[in-house]
Amino acid sequence: MLALFYIFIGVAIGVSFWQITRIMNFRSSIADDKDNAAQGKYAIGFMAFFYAMMIYCLIFMNVIMLPESASFEGEHDDNLFNITFWLIGIVQFIMQFLIFYFTFKYRGSKDRKAKFYADSHKLEFIWTITPAIVLVGLIGYGLWQWNNVMDLSDEENAVVIEVYARQFDWQARYAGEDNTLGLGNVNFIKGLNSIGVDMNDKNSQDDKQVRELYLPKGRKIHFKFRSQDVLHSAYMPHFRAQMNCVPGMVTEFGFTPKYTTEEMRQQPEVIEKTNGINKVRREKGEDPYVFDYLLLCNKICGASHYNMQMKITVVEEDEYQKWLAEQPTLAEYITTK
C-alpha cells in the first residue's frame, strides 16, 4: 500500500508539471468553452483523487501515530489534538469540496458574465468572529493543560527525580528518604561525581544516581532537568511530555504514569505497531523489537544526538520500592567506588 501511495504522489507531480507546461503554452492563446469545460472536469477528477488520498491516510496510516497516552495528564494533550484535528479536518473537507466544485460549476463560458460582488459585512463578521471564538477555546484549554502539567505543589507525595543531560547521554538522580534533592552545579563535577552534586549539602547524601528510570504507576512524578553543555530537550513521547534542558538553569514538569510497561505492551495499538516493526526486522535478519518507554533528546545537540536515549520502566508501587531500595545512595556510591 505504501508503494501505491508513492506511485500516486509521483503521478500527481507529473500531472502538475504537465498542466504547468500546458498553461505556459496557453499564454499566447485564449481559452474557449471546450478548454474551460475540460479544466472543470480535471478539477472534479483531482478532487476525487485528493479525497481518496486523505481517506487513505486517515485509515491506513494511522498505525504510525502514537498509541494512547501513558499518563493521566497526557489525556488532555490527546483531547486537544483530537479536537483540533477534527475541526481542521471538517473545515478541510468542506472547503476543498467548495473550491473544486465551484471551479467546475462556474467555469468560463461565452454565454455567462461574471458577477461583481463588492463585500458583505455579515460574511466578514461570521468568518472573523467564528475562528476567533474557536481559537480562544483551544488556547484556553491549552493554557489549562499547561498549568495542569506544571502543577507541582503536591511534592510531599510526588517522586522527585532530576534528569541530567549532556552530550550524548542521560543520567538521573532520585531524591532520597527526605524527598529533597541536594544542590547541583557543573562546578562540582569531579571523578565519580559526574552530574555535579554538592556533596556538602546534607540533602545530597541519600540521593541515588541511576542510568535507567523506574517510575511507579499512579504516583505523580516531579522531574527537574539540568544540562551540562548545550541545549537538550527531554522528550517522553508516550507520556506526552517534553521540556528543554537549559545549561545554567533548572526546568521542570510533572506527570502521573497510567500504565505499567507490561500493560502498555498489551495495548492493541502497541501490538500492531510492534508486529509491523518486527516484520521489517525479520526481513533484515535483525533481533525482534520489544516495546519500552523511552526518554529521548528532541534537540539536534550534536553528531551523536541520536544516541541520547534512556529506558523508562513503569511498574507497580511495591516493585518500584524494591528497585529503589537496591540502588546505592550517592554517599555510598562515591565512597565505595
C-alpha atoms as a PDB file:
ATOM      1  CA  MET A   1       0.000   0.000   0.000  1.00  0.00           C
ATOM      2  CA  LEU A   2       2.879   2.360   0.757  1.00  0.00           C
ATOM      3  CA  ALA A   3       4.319   1.761  -2.711  1.00  0.00           C
ATOM      4  CA  LEU A   4       0.918   2.589  -4.216  1.00  0.00           C
ATOM      5  CA  PHE A   5       0.879   5.803  -2.189  1.00  0.00           C
ATOM      6  CA  TYR A   6       4.273   6.802  -3.631  1.00  0.00           C
ATOM      7  CA  ILE A   7       3.050   5.990  -7.138  1.00  0.00           C
ATOM      8  CA  PHE A   8       0.031   8.256  -6.621  1.00  0.00           C
ATOM      9  CA  ILE A   9       2.305  11.064  -5.439  1.00  0.00           C
ATOM     10  CA  GLY A  10       4.560  10.610  -8.462  1.00  0.00           C
ATOM     11  CA  VAL A  11       1.607  10.675 -10.839  1.00  0.00           C
ATOM     12  CA  ALA A  12       0.227  13.808  -9.161  1.00  0.00           C
ATOM     13  CA  ILE A  13       3.591  15.576  -9.525  1.00  0.00           C
ATOM     14  CA  GLY A  14       3.811  14.515 -13.166  1.00  0.00           C
ATOM     15  CA  VAL A  15       0.299  15.766 -13.929  1.00  0.00           C
ATOM     16  CA  SER A  16       1.113  19.066 -12.184  1.00  0.00           C
ATOM     17  CA  PHE A  17       4.190  19.620 -14.369  1.00  0.00           C
ATOM     18  CA  TRP A  18       2.185  18.677 -17.444  1.00  0.00           C
ATOM     19  CA  GLN A  19      -0.524  21.187 -16.548  1.00  0.00           C
ATOM     20  CA  ILE A  20       2.070  23.901 -15.887  1.00  0.00           C
ATOM     21  CA  THR A  21       3.575  23.231 -19.311  1.00  0.00           C
ATOM     22  CA  ARG A  22       0.152  23.485 -20.939  1.00  0.00           C
ATOM     23  CA  ILE A  23      -0.565  26.743 -19.121  1.00  0.00           C
ATOM     24  CA  MET A  24       2.685  28.200 -20.415  1.00  0.00           C
ATOM     25  CA  ASN A  25       1.662  27.190 -23.950  1.00  0.00           C
ATOM     26  CA  PHE A  26      -1.684  28.976 -23.482  1.00  0.00           C
ATOM     27  CA  ARG A  27      -0.058  32.328 -22.804  1.00  0.00           C
ATOM     28  CA  SER A  28      -0.496  33.464 -26.373  1.00  0.00           C
ATOM     29  CA  SER A  29      -3.971  31.979 -26.852  1.00  0.00           C
ATOM     30  CA  ILE A  30      -7.457  32.485 -25.442  1.00  0.00           C
ATOM     31  CA  ALA A  31      -9.250  29.587 -23.768  1.00  0.00           C
ATOM     32  CA  ASP A  32     -12.552  28.650 -25.386  1.00  0.00           C
ATOM     33  CA  ASP A  33     -15.571  26.854 -23.896  1.00  0.00           C
ATOM     34  CA  LYS A  34     -14.086  23.470 -24.753  1.00  0.00           C
ATOM     35  CA  ASP A  35     -10.887  24.246 -22.822  1.00  0.00           C
ATOM     36  CA  ASN A  36     -12.840  25.596 -19.857  1.00  0.00           C
ATOM     37  CA  ALA A  37     -15.077  22.515 -19.765  1.00  0.00           C
ATOM     38  CA  ALA A  38     -12.011  20.252 -19.824  1.00  0.00           C
ATOM     39  CA  GLN A  39     -10.357  22.178 -16.984  1.00  0.00           C
ATOM     40  CA  GLY A  40     -13.570  21.959 -14.942  1.00  0.00           C
ATOM     41  CA  LYS A  41     -13.636  18.176 -15.375  1.00  0.00           C
ATOM     42  CA  TYR A  42      -9.970  17.960 -14.412  1.00  0.00           C
ATOM     43  CA  ALA A  43     -10.814  19.840 -11.199  1.00  0.00           C
ATOM     44  CA  ILE A  44     -13.517  17.301 -10.326  1.00  0.00           C
ATOM     45  CA  GLY A  45     -11.134  14.425 -11.107  1.00  0.00           C
ATOM     46  CA  PHE A  46      -8.407  15.906  -8.947  1.00  0.00           C
ATOM     47  CA  MET A  47     -10.930  16.458  -6.160  1.00  0.00           C
ATOM     48  CA  ALA A  48     -11.805  12.745  -6.221  1.00  0.00           C
ATOM     49  CA  PHE A  49      -8.103  11.838  -6.129  1.00  0.00           C
ATOM     50  CA  PHE A  50      -7.485  14.330  -3.336  1.00  0.00           C
ATOM     51  CA  TYR A  51     -10.306  12.938  -1.176  1.00  0.00           C
ATOM     52  CA  ALA A  52      -9.179   9.357  -1.842  1.00  0.00           C
ATOM     53  CA  MET A  53      -5.680  10.168  -0.615  1.00  0.00           C
ATOM     54  CA  MET A  54      -6.999  11.889   2.523  1.00  0.00           C
ATOM     55  CA  ILE A  55      -9.224   8.920   3.359  1.00  0.00           C
ATOM     56  CA  TYR A  56      -6.346   6.501   2.695  1.00  0.00           C
ATOM     57  CA  CYS A  57      -4.048   8.421   5.062  1.00  0.00           C
ATOM     58  CA  LEU A  58      -6.709   8.564   7.777  1.00  0.00           C
ATOM     59  CA  ILE A  59      -7.405   4.828   7.649  1.00  0.00           C
ATOM     60  CA  PHE A  60      -4.217   3.046   6.644  1.00  0.00           C
ATOM     61  CA  MET A  61      -1.514   5.348   8.028  1.00  0.00           C
ATOM     62  CA  ASN A  62      -2.996   5.642  11.490  1.00  0.00           C
ATOM     63  CA  VAL A  63      -0.570   2.937  12.671  1.00  0.00           C
ATOM     64  CA  ILE A  64       2.306   5.447  12.636  1.00  0.00           C
ATOM     65  CA  MET A  65       0.568   7.550  15.282  1.00  0.00           C
ATOM     66  CA  LEU A  66       1.452   7.236  18.953  1.00  0.00           C
ATOM     67  CA  PRO A  67      -0.764   4.905  20.997  1.00  0.00           C
ATOM     68  CA  GLU A  68      -2.994   6.080  23.833  1.00  0.00           C
ATOM     69  CA  SER A  69      -1.328   8.387  26.350  1.00  0.00           C
ATOM     70  CA  ALA A  70       0.537   6.540  29.107  1.00  0.00           C
ATOM     71  CA  SER A  71      -0.021   9.380  31.591  1.00  0.00           C
ATOM     72  CA  PHE A  72      -3.205  10.862  33.023  1.00  0.00           C
ATOM     73  CA  GLU A  73      -2.093  14.394  32.182  1.00  0.00           C
ATOM     74  CA  GLY A  74      -1.370  13.346  28.600  1.00  0.00           C
ATOM     75  CA  GLU A  75      -5.041  12.503  28.071  1.00  0.00           C
ATOM     76  CA  HIS A  76      -5.747  16.231  27.800  1.00  0.00           C
ATOM     77  CA  ASP A  77      -2.982  16.624  25.201  1.00  0.00           C
ATOM     78  CA  ASP A  78      -4.690  13.901  23.173  1.00  0.00           C
ATOM     79  CA  ASN A  79      -8.069  15.594  23.635  1.00  0.00           C
ATOM     80  CA  LEU A  80      -6.656  18.899  22.426  1.00  0.00           C
ATOM     81  CA  PHE A  81      -5.044  17.188  19.433  1.00  0.00           C
ATOM     82  CA  ASN A  82      -8.254  15.345  18.534  1.00  0.00           C
ATOM     83  CA  ILE A  83     -10.422  18.454  18.833  1.00  0.00           C
ATOM     84  CA  THR A  84      -8.011  20.451  16.663  1.00  0.00           C
ATOM     85  CA  PHE A  85      -7.666  17.609  14.169  1.00  0.00           C
ATOM     86  CA  TRP A  86     -11.429  17.164  13.739  1.00  0.00           C
ATOM     87  CA  LEU A  87     -12.068  20.895  13.466  1.00  0.00           C
ATOM     88  CA  ILE A  88      -9.405  21.288  10.790  1.00  0.00           C
ATOM     89  CA  GLY A  89     -10.496  18.049   9.089  1.00  0.00           C
ATOM     90  CA  ILE A  90     -14.151  19.086   8.815  1.00  0.00           C
ATOM     91  CA  VAL A  91     -13.272  22.542   7.502  1.00  0.00           C
ATOM     92  CA  GLN A  92     -10.753  20.957   5.123  1.00  0.00           C
ATOM     93  CA  PHE A  93     -13.296  18.523   3.676  1.00  0.00           C
ATOM     94  CA  ILE A  94     -15.932  21.231   3.201  1.00  0.00           C
ATOM     95  CA  MET A  95     -13.610  23.908   1.792  1.00  0.00           C
ATOM     96  CA  GLN A  96     -11.831  21.574  -0.640  1.00  0.00           C
ATOM     97  CA  PHE A  97     -15.203  20.449  -1.992  1.00  0.00           C
ATOM     98  CA  LEU A  98     -16.345  24.047  -2.450  1.00  0.00           C
ATOM     99  CA  ILE A  99     -13.098  25.070  -4.145  1.00  0.00           C
ATOM    100  CA  PHE A 100     -13.142  22.269  -6.722  1.00  0.00           C
ATOM    101  CA  TYR A 101     -16.902  22.207  -7.213  1.00  0.00           C
ATOM    102  CA  PHE A 102     -17.111  25.947  -7.788  1.00  0.00           C
ATOM    103  CA  THR A 103     -14.154  25.689 -10.190  1.00  0.00           C
ATOM    104  CA  PHE A 104     -16.253  23.243 -12.193  1.00  0.00           C
ATOM    105  CA  LYS A 105     -19.653  24.932 -11.823  1.00  0.00           C
ATOM    106  CA  TYR A 106     -18.504  28.458 -12.595  1.00  0.00           C
ATOM    107  CA  ARG A 107     -16.012  27.613 -15.318  1.00  0.00           C
ATOM    108  CA  GLY A 108     -15.652  30.138 -18.106  1.00  0.00           C
ATOM    109  CA  SER A 109     -18.426  30.360 -20.701  1.00  0.00           C
ATOM    110  CA  LYS A 110     -19.003  32.848 -23.512  1.00  0.00           C
ATOM    111  CA  ASP A 111     -22.708  32.929 -22.594  1.00  0.00           C
ATOM    112  CA  ARG A 112     -22.092  33.857 -18.956  1.00  0.00           C
ATOM    113  CA  LYS A 113     -20.669  37.018 -17.454  1.00  0.00           C
ATOM    114  CA  ALA A 114     -19.004  37.085 -14.060  1.00  0.00           C
ATOM    115  CA  LYS A 115     -20.937  38.937 -11.387  1.00  0.00           C
ATOM    116  CA  PHE A 116     -19.136  41.640  -9.432  1.00  0.00           C
ATOM    117  CA  TYR A 117     -19.712  41.303  -5.669  1.00  0.00           C
ATOM    118  CA  ALA A 118     -18.056  44.005  -3.601  1.00  0.00           C
ATOM    119  CA  ASP A 119     -18.356  42.849   0.018  1.00  0.00           C
ATOM    120  CA  SER A 120     -20.657  41.645   2.765  1.00  0.00           C
ATOM    121  CA  HIS A 121     -20.284  42.913   6.311  1.00  0.00           C
ATOM    122  CA  LYS A 122     -22.306  39.946   7.566  1.00  0.00           C
ATOM    123  CA  LEU A 123     -19.993  37.386   5.955  1.00  0.00           C
ATOM    124  CA  GLU A 124     -16.904  39.274   7.128  1.00  0.00           C
ATOM    125  CA  PHE A 125     -18.290  39.224  10.677  1.00  0.00           C
ATOM    126  CA  ILE A 126     -19.049  35.494  10.538  1.00  0.00           C
ATOM    127  CA  TRP A 127     -15.667  34.326   9.247  1.00  0.00           C
ATOM    128  CA  THR A 128     -13.797  36.644  11.613  1.00  0.00           C
ATOM    129  CA  ILE A 129     -15.707  36.010  14.858  1.00  0.00           C
ATOM    130  CA  THR A 130     -16.122  32.232  14.391  1.00  0.00           C
ATOM    131  CA  PRO A 131     -12.363  31.422  14.152  1.00  0.00           C
ATOM    132  CA  ALA A 132     -11.673  33.877  16.992  1.00  0.00           C
ATOM    133  CA  ILE A 133     -14.098  32.052  19.302  1.00  0.00           C
ATOM    134  CA  VAL A 134     -12.651  28.653  18.330  1.00  0.00           C
ATOM    135  CA  LEU A 135      -9.079  29.845  18.923  1.00  0.00           C
ATOM    136  CA  VAL A 136      -9.961  31.317  22.325  1.00  0.00           C
ATOM    137  CA  GLY A 137     -11.434  27.929  23.308  1.00  0.00           C
ATOM    138  CA  LEU A 138      -8.420  25.949  22.086  1.00  0.00           C
ATOM    139  CA  ILE A 139      -5.855  28.308  23.601  1.00  0.00           C
ATOM    140  CA  GLY A 140      -7.781  28.381  26.887  1.00  0.00           C
ATOM    141  CA  TYR A 141      -7.802  24.577  27.026  1.00  0.00           C
ATOM    142  CA  GLY A 142      -4.084  24.542  26.195  1.00  0.00           C
ATOM    143  CA  LEU A 143      -3.243  27.016  28.967  1.00  0.00           C
ATOM    144  CA  TRP A 144      -5.283  24.966  31.444  1.00  0.00           C
ATOM    145  CA  GLN A 145      -3.378  21.840  30.402  1.00  0.00           C
ATOM    146  CA  TRP A 146      -0.037  23.653  30.732  1.00  0.00           C
ATOM    147  CA  ASN A 147      -0.926  24.664  34.279  1.00  0.00           C
ATOM    148  CA  ASN A 148      -2.025  21.090  34.967  1.00  0.00           C
ATOM    149  CA  VAL A 149       1.370  19.710  33.876  1.00  0.00           C
ATOM    150  CA  MET A 150       3.259  22.428  35.758  1.00  0.00           C
ATOM    151  CA  ASP A 151       1.271  21.992  38.992  1.00  0.00           C
ATOM    152  CA  LEU A 152       3.981  20.567  41.254  1.00  0.00           C
ATOM    153  CA  SER A 153       2.529  21.752  44.556  1.00  0.00           C
ATOM    154  CA  ASP A 154       1.975  18.244  45.984  1.00  0.00           C
ATOM    155  CA  GLU A 155       5.681  17.485  46.246  1.00  0.00           C
ATOM    156  CA  GLU A 156       5.365  15.552  49.519  1.00  0.00           C
ATOM    157  CA  ASN A 157       3.628  12.652  47.750  1.00  0.00           C
ATOM    158  CA  ALA A 158       5.459  13.009  44.439  1.00  0.00           C
ATOM    159  CA  VAL A 159       8.544  11.128  43.290  1.00  0.00           C
ATOM    160  CA  VAL A 160      11.244  13.775  42.789  1.00  0.00           C
ATOM    161  CA  ILE A 161      13.755  12.974  40.040  1.00  0.00           C
ATOM    162  CA  GLU A 162      16.468  15.064  38.458  1.00  0.00           C
ATOM    163  CA  VAL A 163      17.298  14.268  34.837  1.00  0.00           C
ATOM    164  CA  TYR A 164      20.762  15.368  33.777  1.00  0.00           C
ATOM    165  CA  ALA A 165      21.587  15.882  30.088  1.00  0.00           C
ATOM    166  CA  ARG A 166      24.987  16.006  28.448  1.00  0.00           C
ATOM    167  CA  GLN A 167      26.435  15.142  25.062  1.00  0.00           C
ATOM    168  CA  PHE A 168      25.421  12.398  24.415  1.00  0.00           C
ATOM    169  CA  ASP A 169      23.638  10.594  27.242  1.00  0.00           C
ATOM    170  CA  TRP A 170      21.230  10.955  30.145  1.00  0.00           C
ATOM    171  CA  GLN A 171      21.699  10.359  33.840  1.00  0.00           C
ATOM    172  CA  ALA A 172      19.138  10.642  36.616  1.00  0.00           C
ATOM    173  CA  ARG A 173      19.115  11.275  40.362  1.00  0.00           C
ATOM    174  CA  TYR A 174      16.341  10.235  42.736  1.00  0.00           C
ATOM    175  CA  ALA A 175      15.646  12.191  45.899  1.00  0.00           C
ATOM    176  CA  GLY A 176      16.258  10.006  48.959  1.00  0.00           C
ATOM    177  CA  GLU A 177      14.131   9.475  52.030  1.00  0.00           C
ATOM    178  CA  ASP A 178      13.964  13.230  52.676  1.00  0.00           C
ATOM    179  CA  ASN A 179      12.348  13.595  49.176  1.00  0.00           C
ATOM    180  CA  THR A 180      14.607  16.593  48.564  1.00  0.00           C
ATOM    181  CA  LEU A 181      17.386  16.738  46.010  1.00  0.00           C
ATOM    182  CA  GLY A 182      20.741  18.118  47.042  1.00  0.00           C
ATOM    183  CA  LEU A 183      22.166  21.116  45.209  1.00  0.00           C
ATOM    184  CA  GLY A 184      23.793  20.513  41.846  1.00  0.00           C
ATOM    185  CA  ASN A 185      26.213  22.548  39.747  1.00  0.00           C
ATOM    186  CA  VAL A 186      28.677  21.726  36.986  1.00  0.00           C
ATOM    187  CA  ASN A 187      31.480  23.127  39.159  1.00  0.00           C
ATOM    188  CA  PHE A 188      31.136  20.069  41.430  1.00  0.00           C
ATOM    189  CA  ILE A 189      31.813  17.570  38.623  1.00  0.00           C
ATOM    190  CA  LYS A 190      34.809  15.503  39.611  1.00  0.00           C
ATOM    191  CA  GLY A 191      35.603  11.824  39.234  1.00  0.00           C
ATOM    192  CA  LEU A 192      32.564   9.674  40.049  1.00  0.00           C
ATOM    193  CA  ASN A 193      30.519  12.787  40.775  1.00  0.00           C
ATOM    194  CA  SER A 194      29.635  13.003  37.080  1.00  0.00           C
ATOM    195  CA  ILE A 195      26.495  15.138  37.376  1.00  0.00           C
ATOM    196  CA  GLY A 196      27.908  17.784  39.701  1.00  0.00           C
ATOM    197  CA  VAL A 197      26.183  17.184  43.045  1.00  0.00           C
ATOM    198  CA  ASP A 198      27.237  19.277  46.041  1.00  0.00           C
ATOM    199  CA  MET A 199      28.174  16.501  48.479  1.00  0.00           C
ATOM    200  CA  ASN A 200      28.487  19.052  51.297  1.00  0.00           C
ATOM    201  CA  ASP A 201      24.723  19.563  51.099  1.00  0.00           C
ATOM    202  CA  LYS A 202      23.082  17.274  53.669  1.00  0.00           C
ATOM    203  CA  ASN A 203      20.189  16.643  51.258  1.00  0.00           C
ATOM    204  CA  SER A 204      22.614  15.086  48.752  1.00  0.00           C
ATOM    205  CA  GLN A 205      23.782  12.216  50.944  1.00  0.00           C
ATOM    206  CA  ASP A 206      20.736   9.990  50.400  1.00  0.00           C
ATOM    207  CA  ASP A 207      20.175  10.877  46.725  1.00  0.00           C
ATOM    208  CA  LYS A 208      20.514   7.980  44.285  1.00  0.00           C
ATOM    209  CA  GLN A 209      22.161   8.282  40.876  1.00  0.00           C
ATOM    210  CA  VAL A 210      20.976   5.903  38.112  1.00  0.00           C
ATOM    211  CA  ARG A 211      21.139   5.396  34.363  1.00  0.00           C
ATOM    212  CA  GLU A 212      17.641   3.949  33.944  1.00  0.00           C
ATOM    213  CA  LEU A 213      14.349   5.440  35.049  1.00  0.00           C
ATOM    214  CA  TYR A 214      11.944   3.378  37.144  1.00  0.00           C
ATOM    215  CA  LEU A 215       8.567   5.027  37.768  1.00  0.00           C
ATOM    216  CA  PRO A 216       5.684   3.869  39.968  1.00  0.00           C
ATOM    217  CA  LYS A 217       2.277   3.621  38.337  1.00  0.00           C
ATOM    218  CA  GLY A 218      -0.309   6.057  39.703  1.00  0.00           C
ATOM    219  CA  ARG A 219       2.064   8.450  41.511  1.00  0.00           C
ATOM    220  CA  LYS A 220       2.927  11.967  40.415  1.00  0.00           C
ATOM    221  CA  ILE A 221       6.481  12.251  39.081  1.00  0.00           C
ATOM    222  CA  HIS A 222       8.186  15.609  39.571  1.00  0.00           C
ATOM    223  CA  PHE A 223      11.002  15.937  37.030  1.00  0.00           C
ATOM    224  CA  LYS A 224      13.755  18.535  37.289  1.00  0.00           C
ATOM    225  CA  PHE A 225      16.109  18.982  34.331  1.00  0.00           C
ATOM    226  CA  ARG A 226      19.676  20.254  34.048  1.00  0.00           C
ATOM    227  CA  SER A 227      22.101  20.356  31.130  1.00  0.00           C
ATOM    228  CA  GLN A 228      25.871  20.220  31.304  1.00  0.00           C
ATOM    229  CA  ASP A 229      26.786  21.614  27.916  1.00  0.00           C
ATOM    230  CA  VAL A 230      24.258  22.589  25.222  1.00  0.00           C
ATOM    231  CA  LEU A 231      20.505  22.894  24.862  1.00  0.00           C
ATOM    232  CA  HIS A 232      18.856  19.457  25.023  1.00  0.00           C
ATOM    233  CA  SER A 233      15.175  18.564  25.123  1.00  0.00           C
ATOM    234  CA  ALA A 234      13.806  15.816  27.357  1.00  0.00           C
ATOM    235  CA  TYR A 235      11.088  14.131  25.291  1.00  0.00           C
ATOM    236  CA  MET A 236       8.937  11.287  26.617  1.00  0.00           C
ATOM    237  CA  PRO A 237       6.501  10.790  23.734  1.00  0.00           C
ATOM    238  CA  HIS A 238       4.271   8.118  25.267  1.00  0.00           C
ATOM    239  CA  PHE A 239       3.658  10.341  28.300  1.00  0.00           C
ATOM    240  CA  ARG A 240       3.071  13.412  26.073  1.00  0.00           C
ATOM    241  CA  ALA A 241       5.818  15.266  27.920  1.00  0.00           C
ATOM    242  CA  GLN A 242       8.666  17.445  26.704  1.00  0.00           C
ATOM    243  CA  MET A 243      10.855  20.109  28.297  1.00  0.00           C
ATOM    244  CA  ASN A 244      14.043  21.869  27.248  1.00  0.00           C
ATOM    245  CA  CYS A 245      17.157  21.242  29.354  1.00  0.00           C
ATOM    246  CA  VAL A 246      18.946  24.575  29.539  1.00  0.00           C
ATOM    247  CA  PRO A 247      22.546  24.990  30.756  1.00  0.00           C
ATOM    248  CA  GLY A 248      22.716  27.105  33.899  1.00  0.00           C
ATOM    249  CA  MET A 249      19.092  26.680  34.996  1.00  0.00           C
ATOM    250  CA  VAL A 250      16.603  24.074  36.229  1.00  0.00           C
ATOM    251  CA  THR A 251      13.432  23.381  34.260  1.00  0.00           C
ATOM    252  CA  GLU A 252      10.671  21.048  35.398  1.00  0.00           C
ATOM    253  CA  PHE A 253       7.337  19.370  34.740  1.00  0.00           C
ATOM    254  CA  GLY A 254       5.296  16.511  36.159  1.00  0.00           C
ATOM    255  CA  PHE A 255       3.014  13.682  35.105  1.00  0.00           C
ATOM    256  CA  THR A 256       1.372  10.580  36.555  1.00  0.00           C
ATOM    257  CA  PRO A 257       2.002   7.230  34.801  1.00  0.00           C
ATOM    258  CA  LYS A 258      -1.219   5.444  33.883  1.00  0.00           C
ATOM    259  CA  TYR A 259       0.018   2.094  32.543  1.00  0.00           C
ATOM    260  CA  THR A 260       2.926  -0.099  33.541  1.00  0.00           C
ATOM    261  CA  THR A 261       5.330  -1.130  30.784  1.00  0.00           C
ATOM    262  CA  GLU A 262       3.778  -4.608  30.666  1.00  0.00           C
ATOM    263  CA  GLU A 263       0.245  -3.180  30.461  1.00  0.00           C
ATOM    264  CA  MET A 264       1.273  -0.863  27.628  1.00  0.00           C
ATOM    265  CA  ARG A 265       2.767  -3.772  25.706  1.00  0.00           C
ATOM    266  CA  GLN A 266      -0.709  -5.375  25.695  1.00  0.00           C
ATOM    267  CA  GLN A 267      -2.418  -2.330  24.152  1.00  0.00           C
ATOM    268  CA  PRO A 268      -3.825  -3.240  20.680  1.00  0.00           C
ATOM    269  CA  GLU A 269      -2.160  -0.217  19.041  1.00  0.00           C
ATOM    270  CA  VAL A 270       1.219  -1.111  20.544  1.00  0.00           C
ATOM    271  CA  ILE A 271       0.868  -4.756  19.487  1.00  0.00           C
ATOM    272  CA  GLU A 272       0.010  -3.712  15.920  1.00  0.00           C
ATOM    273  CA  LYS A 273       2.945  -1.304  15.733  1.00  0.00           C
ATOM    274  CA  THR A 274       5.329  -3.847  17.268  1.00  0.00           C
ATOM    275  CA  ASN A 275       4.243  -6.515  14.766  1.00  0.00           C
ATOM    276  CA  GLY A 276       4.833  -4.094  11.898  1.00  0.00           C
ATOM    277  CA  ILE A 277       8.319  -3.228  13.141  1.00  0.00           C
ATOM    278  CA  ASN A 278       9.259  -6.878  13.698  1.00  0.00           C
ATOM    279  CA  LYS A 279       8.080  -7.802  10.210  1.00  0.00           C
ATOM    280  CA  VAL A 280      10.656  -5.402   8.788  1.00  0.00           C
ATOM    281  CA  ARG A 281      13.324  -6.530  11.241  1.00  0.00           C
ATOM    282  CA  ARG A 282      12.794 -10.208  10.339  1.00  0.00           C
ATOM    283  CA  GLU A 283      13.306  -9.390   6.671  1.00  0.00           C
ATOM    284  CA  LYS A 284      16.609  -7.741   7.604  1.00  0.00           C
ATOM    285  CA  GLY A 285      17.641 -10.604   9.891  1.00  0.00           C
ATOM    286  CA  GLU A 286      17.622  -8.371  12.991  1.00  0.00           C
ATOM    287  CA  ASP A 287      16.571  -9.230  16.539  1.00  0.00           C
ATOM    288  CA  PRO A 288      12.896  -8.665  17.387  1.00  0.00           C
ATOM    289  CA  TYR A 289      11.828  -5.341  18.881  1.00  0.00           C
ATOM    290  CA  VAL A 290      10.182  -5.218  22.316  1.00  0.00           C
ATOM    291  CA  PHE A 291       8.265  -2.096  23.320  1.00  0.00           C
ATOM    292  CA  ASP A 292       9.742   0.106  26.044  1.00  0.00           C
ATOM    293  CA  TYR A 293       9.068   3.650  27.149  1.00  0.00           C
ATOM    294  CA  LEU A 294      11.965   5.928  26.230  1.00  0.00           C
ATOM    295  CA  LEU A 295      13.417   9.279  27.192  1.00  0.00           C
ATOM    296  CA  LEU A 296      14.753  10.899  24.018  1.00  0.00           C
ATOM    297  CA  CYS A 297      16.504  14.143  23.143  1.00  0.00           C
ATOM    298  CA  ASN A 298      14.365  16.235  20.811  1.00  0.00           C
ATOM    299  CA  LYS A 299      17.021  18.836  20.023  1.00  0.00           C
ATOM    300  CA  ILE A 300      19.751  18.276  17.440  1.00  0.00           C
ATOM    301  CA  CYS A 301      22.515  18.633  20.021  1.00  0.00           C
ATOM    302  CA  GLY A 302      25.483  17.298  18.040  1.00  0.00           C
ATOM    303  CA  ALA A 303      26.827  14.476  15.902  1.00  0.00           C
ATOM    304  CA  SER A 304      25.702  11.672  18.242  1.00  0.00           C
ATOM    305  CA  HIS A 305      22.345  13.211  19.116  1.00  0.00           C
ATOM    306  CA  TYR A 306      20.569  10.010  18.036  1.00  0.00           C
ATOM    307  CA  ASN A 307      22.310   8.097  20.847  1.00  0.00           C
ATOM    308  CA  MET A 308      20.608  10.081  23.596  1.00  0.00           C
ATOM    309  CA  GLN A 309      18.104   7.531  24.859  1.00  0.00           C
ATOM    310  CA  MET A 310      17.232   6.326  28.325  1.00  0.00           C
ATOM    311  CA  LYS A 311      14.926   3.419  29.059  1.00  0.00           C
ATOM    312  CA  ILE A 312      11.891   4.144  31.241  1.00  0.00           C
ATOM    313  CA  THR A 313      10.248   1.269  33.098  1.00  0.00           C
ATOM    314  CA  VAL A 314       6.872   1.800  34.766  1.00  0.00           C
ATOM    315  CA  VAL A 315       5.994  -0.734  37.462  1.00  0.00           C
ATOM    316  CA  GLU A 316       3.614  -1.153  40.366  1.00  0.00           C
ATOM    317  CA  GLU A 317       4.404   0.678  43.619  1.00  0.00           C
ATOM    318  CA  ASP A 318       5.789  -2.341  45.517  1.00  0.00           C
ATOM    319  CA  GLU A 319       8.138  -3.283  42.678  1.00  0.00           C
ATOM    320  CA  TYR A 320       9.296   0.339  42.427  1.00  0.00           C
ATOM    321  CA  GLN A 321      10.062   0.478  46.141  1.00  0.00           C
ATOM    322  CA  LYS A 322      12.021  -2.779  45.894  1.00  0.00           C
ATOM    323  CA  TRP A 323      14.081  -1.459  42.974  1.00  0.00           C
ATOM    324  CA  LEU A 324      14.738   1.888  44.676  1.00  0.00           C
ATOM    325  CA  ALA A 325      15.912   0.171  47.865  1.00  0.00           C
ATOM    326  CA  GLU A 326      18.522  -1.741  45.847  1.00  0.00           C
ATOM    327  CA  GLN A 327      20.121   1.441  44.491  1.00  0.00           C
ATOM    328  CA  PRO A 328      23.102   2.821  46.460  1.00  0.00           C
ATOM    329  CA  THR A 329      22.976   6.364  47.778  1.00  0.00           C
ATOM    330  CA  LEU A 330      25.409   8.920  46.389  1.00  0.00           C
ATOM    331  CA  ALA A 331      27.384   8.823  49.634  1.00  0.00           C
ATOM    332  CA  GLU A 332      27.714   5.027  49.374  1.00  0.00           C
ATOM    333  CA  TYR A 333      28.434   5.098  45.648  1.00  0.00           C
ATOM    334  CA  ILE A 334      31.203   7.687  45.762  1.00  0.00           C
ATOM    335  CA  THR A 335      32.779   6.150  48.900  1.00  0.00           C
ATOM    336  CA  THR A 336      32.727   2.505  47.726  1.00  0.00           C
ATOM    337  CA  LYS A 337      33.843   3.261  44.168  1.00  0.00           C
END
